[in-house]
Amino acid sequence: MTKINVVKKKSIQTLNGKTINLDVDKCVVKPQFTKQSEYLGRTIIDWNDIYVPDIYRDQVTNTIRKGGNVDSNRVSELETDFGDNGIRYEEPVIAIYYEPIFINNRHYNYQIKNVGNHRAKSHQNLGIGSWIFDVYMPADKWANEDIGWDSNNAKSNVKPLSRDSMIASLVRMVKGERWGKLSVKDLEIKCSEYIRTHASSNKKSIEGIIKQVLHKTNTNTDHRDYLPEQAEKFVEEVAGVEVNGVLDEDTDRYHWVVGEGYETTKIMKAIHKFAETEKHSDFYFHTKQPLSSSNKRTKDTTYKKRLSMKKAYDTTLDAIEKAVVYKQTHGKWPLNIRSYLPHDAIHGEDMFEMIEPKIALTKPVKKVA
């Protein structure tokens, strides 16, 4: 078994002179990934002995986080936290791997992977030269995926995984046949179980993630879902027209891609365009689809949803027509701005009273220093 040199205490200083006393025995959280990889121990190590990928050299080891190793805003937050509070012993310890590597013209004994990249960058910016680490032997590719999910799901100084990162990770697992070749229904169930085990997501979010995984892995299903940009691209390529607010020169019309639930929104946009240009509009509808494993999925689900969208479309137009008839009959709209809520204390608005439209729409004369 590989052994590491254990250093339990060390005092370090930041660039601004703050002293941080590191003490391994004060760490509260136990090693997190002993089931995924062989654990070698907890110790203080110099950052100079750890290979941290340089994104400016196209070096990426944080494979779990789509878009790169770190988010600059999160790094700034951590810099402030470490600068003010030093080390938080109640939070998870950064995991690194005993995996010697020669890169950047030098030798490193350890590597950072899916855990701790934001903290590494913030430490570099603060001049922190050493820290407390949990050291493991290298994990296999699926264990690395699990570690990435589990570490970024911690309620601590860790940036949560984005939806895109979750999708990208599951796509790798499906394409790599982590669970073998499964039916669509079984694959949906397996992905759902995985997300529930390794992340904090609600049912609606999980369904959306799984749909995109199926789409990106070209899994054959009896239904298809579209993200807004996917639906727009489909219409542009198949119908050969400009969409969503851009006048198509060939047809001299506007073409709107409408997702379920957005019927009224797109109708109003089309009416605004007609008022501006007197150009007509065409609509392209696409519905949401329940998963194959859902008990809401039936053979006529798509048909029923299309009927529902058409009903919403007709209902909106009927409502507009009724309002127009009322306006023509009574000389005014059946709509009224009753009042505005208070916002502007600097101009003396009472934060407990409504603001009458006449007053709200009068330009303030009081000059503010």
Protein backbone atom coordinates (compact mmCIF):
# COMPACT_ATOMS: atom_id res chain seq x y z
CA MET A 1 0.00 0.00 0.00
CA THR A 2 1.24 3.47 -0.88
CA LYS A 3 2.06 5.58 2.18
CA ILE A 4 2.16 9.36 2.44
CA ASN A 5 4.07 11.63 4.78
CA VAL A 6 1.54 13.01 7.27
CA VAL A 7 1.97 16.62 8.41
CA LYS A 8 -0.69 17.61 10.94
CA LYS A 9 0.08 21.24 11.81
CA LYS A 10 1.42 24.24 9.94
CA SER A 11 1.07 28.03 10.01
CA ILE A 12 0.77 29.85 6.69
CA GLN A 13 0.33 33.47 5.62
CA THR A 14 -1.69 35.11 2.86
CA LEU A 15 -0.30 37.87 0.66
CA ASN A 16 -2.00 40.49 2.84
CA GLY A 17 -0.30 39.14 5.97
CA LYS A 18 -3.17 37.12 7.50
CA THR A 19 -1.92 34.07 9.43
CA ILE A 20 -3.89 30.82 9.12
CA ASN A 21 -3.08 27.99 11.50
CA LEU A 22 -3.77 24.63 9.87
CA ASP A 23 -4.53 21.66 12.14
CA VAL A 24 -5.56 18.35 10.60
CA ASP A 25 -7.06 17.05 13.86
CA LYS A 26 -9.59 19.90 13.93
CA CYS A 27 -11.24 18.85 10.66
CA VAL A 28 -14.81 17.71 11.33
CA VAL A 29 -15.94 16.14 8.05
CA LYS A 30 -14.75 12.59 7.48
CA PRO A 31 -13.15 11.54 4.16
CA GLN A 32 -15.96 11.55 1.60
CA PHE A 33 -14.85 9.21 -1.16
CA THR A 34 -13.49 6.09 0.53
CA LYS A 35 -16.03 3.92 -1.33
CA GLN A 36 -14.90 5.20 -4.72
CA SER A 37 -11.14 5.08 -4.26
CA GLU A 38 -8.40 3.82 -1.92
CA TYR A 39 -7.88 6.40 0.83
CA LEU A 40 -4.29 7.18 1.82
CA GLY A 41 -4.82 9.74 4.56
CA ARG A 42 -5.31 13.37 5.54
CA THR A 43 -2.31 15.69 5.61
CA ILE A 44 -0.97 19.17 4.90
CA ILE A 45 0.65 19.47 1.47
CA ASP A 46 2.21 22.36 -0.43
CA TRP A 47 0.25 23.46 -3.47
CA ASN A 48 3.55 23.41 -5.40
CA ASP A 49 3.50 19.61 -5.17
CA ILE A 50 0.00 19.36 -6.67
CA TYR A 51 -0.71 19.58 -10.38
CA VAL A 52 -3.55 22.06 -10.88
CA PRO A 53 -4.58 22.36 -14.55
CA ASP A 54 -4.04 25.69 -16.28
CA ILE A 55 -7.07 26.54 -18.38
CA TYR A 56 -4.97 29.02 -20.38
CA ARG A 57 -2.91 26.06 -21.58
CA ASP A 58 -6.07 24.10 -22.41
CA GLN A 59 -5.44 21.84 -19.41
CA VAL A 60 -8.70 20.58 -17.94
CA THR A 61 -8.99 17.85 -15.30
CA ASN A 62 -12.28 19.04 -13.79
CA THR A 63 -14.21 16.91 -16.28
CA ILE A 64 -17.44 17.02 -14.29
CA ARG A 65 -17.95 20.77 -14.66
CA LYS A 66 -18.97 21.72 -18.19
CA GLY A 67 -17.31 24.87 -19.49
CA GLY A 68 -13.94 24.63 -17.74
CA ASN A 69 -12.31 24.30 -14.36
CA VAL A 70 -13.54 27.37 -12.47
CA ASP A 71 -16.04 30.20 -12.39
CA SER A 72 -14.38 33.57 -11.70
CA ASN A 73 -17.28 34.87 -9.61
CA ARG A 74 -17.13 31.83 -7.35
CA VAL A 75 -13.37 32.24 -7.00
CA SER A 76 -13.87 35.85 -5.88
CA GLU A 77 -16.42 34.74 -3.27
CA LEU A 78 -13.98 32.17 -1.91
CA GLU A 79 -11.12 34.67 -1.79
CA THR A 80 -13.23 36.90 0.43
CA ASP A 81 -14.22 33.97 2.64
CA PHE A 82 -10.68 32.64 3.08
CA GLY A 83 -9.33 36.17 3.57
CA ASP A 84 -11.87 36.87 6.33
CA ASN A 85 -12.31 33.47 7.97
CA GLY A 86 -9.22 31.43 7.16
CA ILE A 87 -9.99 27.69 7.21
CA ARG A 88 -13.46 26.34 7.99
CA TYR A 89 -12.91 23.02 9.77
CA GLU A 90 -16.59 22.09 9.54
CA GLU A 91 -16.47 21.87 5.74
CA PRO A 92 -15.33 19.04 3.41
CA VAL A 93 -11.61 18.67 2.77
CA ILE A 94 -10.24 19.00 -0.78
CA ALA A 95 -9.63 15.58 -2.37
CA ILE A 96 -6.44 15.03 -4.38
CA TYR A 97 -4.90 11.94 -5.94
CA TYR A 98 -1.48 10.38 -5.59
CA GLU A 99 -0.81 10.25 -9.32
CA PRO A 100 2.73 11.46 -10.19
CA ILE A 101 2.94 13.42 -13.43
CA PHE A 102 5.58 15.33 -15.37
CA ILE A 103 4.03 18.40 -17.02
CA ASN A 104 4.84 22.10 -17.43
CA ASN A 105 8.54 21.11 -17.32
CA ARG A 106 8.36 19.81 -13.76
CA HIS A 107 7.32 16.85 -11.61
CA TYR A 108 4.22 16.71 -9.36
CA ASN A 109 3.32 13.90 -6.94
CA TYR A 110 -0.38 14.73 -6.73
CA GLN A 111 -3.18 15.85 -9.02
CA ILE A 112 -6.43 17.68 -8.43
CA LYS A 113 -9.39 16.38 -10.44
CA ASN A 114 -13.12 17.09 -9.95
CA VAL A 115 -12.89 18.45 -6.41
CA GLY A 116 -11.35 21.72 -5.23
CA ASN A 117 -10.55 23.65 -8.42
CA HIS A 118 -12.25 26.83 -7.22
CA ARG A 119 -10.48 26.65 -3.89
CA ALA A 120 -7.16 26.03 -5.64
CA LYS A 121 -7.52 29.17 -7.75
CA SER A 122 -8.59 31.31 -4.81
CA HIS A 123 -5.62 30.06 -2.77
CA GLN A 124 -3.28 30.90 -5.63
CA ASN A 125 -4.66 34.44 -5.79
CA LEU A 126 -4.30 34.84 -2.02
CA GLY A 127 -0.77 33.44 -1.91
CA ILE A 128 -1.77 30.45 0.23
CA GLY A 129 1.03 27.94 -0.25
CA SER A 130 -0.22 24.93 1.72
CA TRP A 131 -3.53 23.40 2.79
CA ILE A 132 -5.16 20.32 4.28
CA PHE A 133 -6.00 17.55 1.80
CA ASP A 134 -7.52 14.10 1.71
CA VAL A 135 -5.26 11.93 -0.46
CA TYR A 136 -6.57 9.03 -2.54
CA MET A 137 -5.24 6.65 -5.15
CA PRO A 138 -6.57 7.36 -8.67
CA ALA A 139 -10.21 6.44 -9.18
CA ASP A 140 -11.66 4.79 -12.30
CA LYS A 141 -13.65 6.92 -14.75
CA TRP A 142 -17.08 6.09 -13.32
CA ALA A 143 -15.94 6.66 -9.75
CA ASN A 144 -14.58 10.04 -10.92
CA GLU A 145 -18.03 10.91 -12.24
CA ASP A 146 -19.62 9.93 -8.91
CA ILE A 147 -17.06 11.91 -6.94
CA GLY A 148 -17.70 14.96 -9.10
CA TRP A 149 -21.46 14.79 -8.47
CA ASP A 150 -21.20 14.00 -4.76
CA SER A 151 -18.58 16.66 -3.99
CA ASN A 152 -20.47 19.37 -5.84
CA ASN A 153 -23.72 18.45 -4.10
CA ALA A 154 -22.24 19.24 -0.68
CA LYS A 155 -23.83 22.03 1.35
CA SER A 156 -20.58 23.88 1.85
CA ASN A 157 -18.06 26.13 0.12
CA VAL A 158 -18.63 24.26 -3.14
CA LYS A 159 -20.23 25.58 -6.32
CA PRO A 160 -23.18 23.30 -7.23
CA LEU A 161 -23.17 21.47 -10.55
CA SER A 162 -25.05 23.24 -13.31
CA ARG A 163 -27.80 21.52 -15.28
CA ASP A 164 -25.53 21.43 -18.35
CA SER A 165 -22.78 19.75 -16.33
CA MET A 166 -25.21 17.09 -15.11
CA ILE A 167 -26.39 16.44 -18.67
CA ALA A 168 -22.81 16.23 -20.01
CA SER A 169 -21.84 13.74 -17.27
CA LEU A 170 -24.86 11.50 -17.88
CA VAL A 171 -24.21 11.60 -21.63
CA ARG A 172 -20.68 10.28 -20.99
CA MET A 173 -22.10 7.48 -18.83
CA VAL A 174 -24.76 6.49 -21.37
CA LYS A 175 -22.38 6.60 -24.35
CA GLY A 176 -19.81 4.66 -22.32
CA GLU A 177 -22.48 2.05 -21.51
CA ARG A 178 -21.86 2.32 -17.78
CA TRP A 179 -25.10 0.40 -17.15
CA GLY A 180 -24.89 -1.69 -20.29
CA LYS A 181 -27.46 -1.60 -23.08
CA LEU A 182 -30.86 -0.75 -21.62
CA SER A 183 -34.32 -0.19 -23.00
CA VAL A 184 -35.45 3.43 -23.16
CA LYS A 185 -37.73 2.95 -20.15
CA ASP A 186 -35.00 1.27 -18.06
CA LEU A 187 -32.45 3.92 -19.09
CA GLU A 188 -34.81 6.69 -17.96
CA ILE A 189 -35.29 4.95 -14.62
CA LYS A 190 -31.55 4.41 -14.19
CA CYS A 191 -30.74 8.07 -14.94
CA SER A 192 -33.51 9.25 -12.61
CA GLU A 193 -32.20 7.05 -9.79
CA TYR A 194 -28.67 8.31 -10.35
CA ILE A 195 -29.70 11.98 -10.22
CA ARG A 196 -31.78 11.46 -7.07
CA THR A 197 -28.87 9.68 -5.40
CA HIS A 198 -26.14 12.16 -6.31
CA ALA A 199 -27.89 15.55 -6.59
CA SER A 200 -30.63 17.71 -5.10
CA SER A 201 -33.09 18.20 -7.96
CA ASN A 202 -36.88 18.29 -8.14
CA LYS A 203 -38.95 15.98 -10.32
CA LYS A 204 -39.46 18.52 -13.10
CA SER A 205 -35.73 19.29 -13.33
CA ILE A 206 -34.87 15.59 -13.40
CA GLU A 207 -37.28 14.92 -16.27
CA GLY A 208 -35.83 17.83 -18.24
CA ILE A 209 -32.27 16.57 -17.72
CA ILE A 210 -33.16 13.03 -18.80
CA LYS A 211 -34.89 14.24 -21.95
CA GLN A 212 -31.76 16.11 -23.00
CA VAL A 213 -29.57 13.09 -22.24
CA LEU A 214 -31.76 10.94 -24.49
CA HIS A 215 -31.64 13.60 -27.20
CA LYS A 216 -27.85 14.10 -27.04
CA THR A 217 -27.13 10.35 -27.05
CA ASN A 218 -29.42 9.81 -30.06
CA THR A 219 -31.43 7.29 -28.06
CA ASN A 220 -34.34 6.04 -30.13
CA THR A 221 -37.61 6.90 -28.38
CA ASP A 222 -41.25 6.95 -29.41
CA HIS A 223 -41.34 10.68 -28.71
CA ARG A 224 -39.06 13.69 -28.90
CA ASP A 225 -38.66 16.81 -26.80
CA TYR A 226 -37.13 20.10 -27.87
CA LEU A 227 -35.38 22.86 -26.00
CA PRO A 228 -36.44 26.26 -27.42
CA GLU A 229 -33.20 26.63 -29.41
CA GLN A 230 -33.52 23.07 -30.74
CA ALA A 231 -37.06 23.70 -31.94
CA GLU A 232 -36.02 26.96 -33.57
CA LYS A 233 -33.12 25.27 -35.36
CA PHE A 234 -35.43 22.52 -36.60
CA VAL A 235 -37.87 25.04 -38.09
CA GLU A 236 -35.07 27.08 -39.65
CA GLU A 237 -33.56 24.01 -41.29
CA VAL A 238 -36.73 22.16 -42.33
CA ALA A 239 -39.00 25.09 -43.22
CA GLY A 240 -36.12 27.28 -44.40
CA VAL A 241 -37.39 30.46 -42.73
CA GLU A 242 -36.20 33.06 -40.22
CA VAL A 243 -37.90 32.68 -36.85
CA ASN A 244 -38.99 34.55 -33.74
CA GLY A 245 -39.15 38.24 -34.46
CA VAL A 246 -37.05 38.35 -37.63
CA LEU A 247 -38.97 39.14 -40.82
CA ASP A 248 -38.36 36.39 -43.36
CA GLU A 249 -37.65 38.12 -46.67
CA ASP A 250 -38.65 35.19 -48.87
CA THR A 251 -42.13 34.80 -47.38
CA ASP A 252 -42.57 38.41 -46.21
CA ARG A 253 -43.95 37.05 -42.94
CA TYR A 254 -42.91 36.44 -39.34
CA HIS A 255 -42.47 32.85 -38.18
CA TRP A 256 -42.82 32.01 -34.50
CA VAL A 257 -41.76 28.76 -32.79
CA VAL A 258 -44.15 28.19 -29.90
CA GLY A 259 -43.55 25.83 -26.99
CA GLU A 260 -46.38 24.51 -24.85
CA GLY A 261 -47.45 27.17 -22.35
CA TYR A 262 -46.17 30.10 -24.45
CA GLU A 263 -49.11 30.43 -26.82
CA THR A 264 -50.34 33.77 -25.43
CA THR A 265 -46.83 35.25 -25.22
CA LYS A 266 -46.04 34.51 -28.87
CA ILE A 267 -49.45 35.66 -30.07
CA MET A 268 -48.93 39.03 -28.38
CA LYS A 269 -45.47 39.37 -29.93
CA ALA A 270 -46.95 38.63 -33.35
CA ILE A 271 -49.67 41.24 -32.81
CA HIS A 272 -47.05 43.83 -31.85
CA LYS A 273 -45.17 43.06 -35.05
CA PHE A 274 -48.38 43.41 -37.07
CA ALA A 275 -49.00 46.79 -35.45
CA GLU A 276 -45.49 47.90 -36.41
CA THR A 277 -45.22 46.46 -39.91
CA GLU A 278 -48.65 45.09 -40.95
CA LYS A 279 -46.88 41.81 -41.72
CA HIS A 280 -48.62 38.51 -40.98
CA SER A 281 -47.31 35.68 -38.80
CA ASP A 282 -47.15 31.88 -38.94
CA PHE A 283 -46.78 29.65 -35.89
CA TYR A 284 -44.94 26.33 -35.37
CA PHE A 285 -46.08 24.45 -32.25
CA HIS A 286 -44.17 21.86 -30.22
CA THR A 287 -45.42 20.14 -27.07
CA LYS A 288 -43.77 18.83 -23.93
CA GLN A 289 -43.63 15.06 -23.63
CA PRO A 290 -43.66 12.91 -20.49
CA LEU A 291 -40.94 10.25 -20.20
CA SER A 292 -41.62 6.73 -21.47
CA SER A 293 -41.30 5.53 -17.87
CA SER A 294 -43.95 8.00 -16.67
CA ASN A 295 -47.46 6.74 -15.97
CA LYS A 296 -48.69 9.93 -17.68
CA ARG A 297 -47.40 8.69 -21.02
CA THR A 298 -50.10 7.12 -23.25
CA LYS A 299 -50.38 6.35 -26.97
CA ASP A 300 -52.39 9.52 -27.59
CA THR A 301 -50.44 11.88 -25.30
CA THR A 302 -49.07 13.94 -28.20
CA TYR A 303 -52.51 14.22 -29.80
CA LYS A 304 -54.08 15.44 -26.55
CA LYS A 305 -51.32 17.96 -25.94
CA ARG A 306 -51.66 19.35 -29.46
CA LEU A 307 -55.39 19.77 -28.90
CA SER A 308 -54.62 21.59 -25.63
CA MET A 309 -52.22 23.99 -27.39
CA LYS A 310 -54.78 24.71 -30.10
CA LYS A 311 -57.37 25.40 -27.42
CA ALA A 312 -55.02 27.83 -25.65
CA TYR A 313 -54.33 29.53 -28.99
CA ASP A 314 -58.05 29.89 -29.77
CA THR A 315 -58.87 31.03 -26.24
CA THR A 316 -56.30 33.83 -26.43
CA LEU A 317 -57.56 35.07 -29.81
CA ASP A 318 -61.18 34.89 -28.62
CA ALA A 319 -60.26 36.96 -25.57
CA ILE A 320 -58.50 39.57 -27.72
CA GLU A 321 -61.48 39.74 -30.07
CA LYS A 322 -63.90 40.18 -27.17
CA ALA A 323 -61.81 43.02 -25.76
CA VAL A 324 -61.71 44.72 -29.18
CA VAL A 325 -65.49 44.45 -29.53
CA TYR A 326 -65.90 45.99 -26.08
CA LYS A 327 -63.58 48.85 -27.08
CA GLN A 328 -65.56 49.46 -30.28
CA THR A 329 -68.87 49.43 -28.37
CA HIS A 330 -67.91 51.46 -25.29
CA GLY A 331 -65.01 53.57 -26.54
CA LYS A 332 -62.59 52.26 -23.93
CA TRP A 333 -60.75 49.08 -23.06
CA PRO A 334 -61.93 46.75 -20.29
CA LEU A 335 -58.48 47.26 -18.75
CA ASN A 336 -57.29 49.87 -16.31
CA ILE A 337 -54.04 50.82 -14.55
CA ARG A 338 -55.31 51.24 -11.01
CA SER A 339 -52.09 52.15 -9.23
CA TYR A 340 -48.35 51.65 -8.91
CA LEU A 341 -46.58 50.11 -5.95
CA PRO A 342 -44.23 52.39 -4.00
CA HIS A 343 -40.53 52.24 -4.92
CA ASP A 344 -38.95 55.67 -4.77
CA ALA A 345 -38.37 56.68 -1.15
CA ILE A 346 -35.76 59.19 -2.29
CA HIS A 347 -38.62 61.24 -3.79
CA GLY A 348 -40.83 60.87 -0.75
CA GLU A 349 -43.06 57.97 -1.74
CA ASP A 350 -44.83 56.34 1.19
CA MET A 351 -43.70 52.71 1.32
CA PHE A 352 -47.05 51.71 2.82
CA GLU A 353 -49.35 53.36 0.28
CA MET A 354 -50.24 52.77 -3.37
CA ILE A 355 -49.20 55.47 -5.87
CA GLU A 356 -51.93 56.93 -8.07
CA PRO A 357 -51.11 56.72 -11.83
CA LYS A 358 -51.26 60.51 -12.30
CA ILE A 359 -48.69 61.02 -9.54
CA ALA A 360 -46.59 58.01 -10.52
CA LEU A 361 -46.29 59.24 -14.10
CA THR A 362 -45.38 62.81 -13.17
CA LYS A 363 -41.68 63.48 -13.56
CA PRO A 364 -40.06 64.28 -10.18
CA VAL A 365 -38.93 67.89 -9.83
CA LYS A 366 -36.94 67.36 -6.65
CA LYS A 367 -33.21 67.20 -7.41
CA VAL A 368 -31.33 64.38 -5.77
CA ALA A 369 -27.74 64.98 -4.65
